[in-house]
């Protein structure tokens, strides 16, 4: 059993939702990652997230994670909570469907690289490569084949992450190779939890909690308490997420 080296902290700073930028909709099974850059040299991760929060009801474009030379900030849950959708690629393009069989907004993580100005580009790039590698680990993706660029999906409108990569003297192929290398170097062997122990925890705690939240959700829907129902749904699904993490830690297939 392997774990992944957590070289950098990921700070959850979620946008208020439901809103245009954070619709608070669950992400389908993550099939690939989309690499972006901000297109705004000098803007930090914190500044971008703050702007997104202020304009959360003005427009829908978004991303899951912003990375600069000092911080990795997650503004829509993806690596630090149950994954939600972020609208980071327009639905009109069909390249994502042709490549991966799904729309990026429904089945992909979106990470933004901050660059330029007073940002140390090399340090930001190191963190960005790591967070891409960790995302692939977290969702069982192949970093060699399951990372694409925004400019690849929407070539008529977008150039990212090429803007940042050019400053670094990198091609997109170089970037993917760096993520593959980081992925390999961050894999660590660890002791595996016994399947019987994992299953005992699931049976004793997580399964009853799942059914409890499921019953509360159904009752809230019946009573017309839709906000409560939505919260119960998130709590219910998080029990399944935790159960699958235990299954992975004990070498069992996820369900």
Foldseek 3Di string as FASTA:
>chain_A
DKDFACPADEAEDAADDDALQFVVAAADQAQFAAEFAPVDAPQAQVNVLVVCNVCRHVHRAYAQWEFFLPHIYGHADDPPARHGFGRHADPPFCPCCVQGVDDCRRHYHYYYQHHHDPTPLVSRLVVVLLVNLVSCVVRVHQLLRRYYYNCSRPVVPDDPPVVSQVVVVHDVNRSSVSSNVSNVVRIGDDDADAPVVLVVCLVPPLVVLLVVLVVVLVVCVVVVVNVSNSVSVRSNVVSLVVSQVNCVSRVHHRD
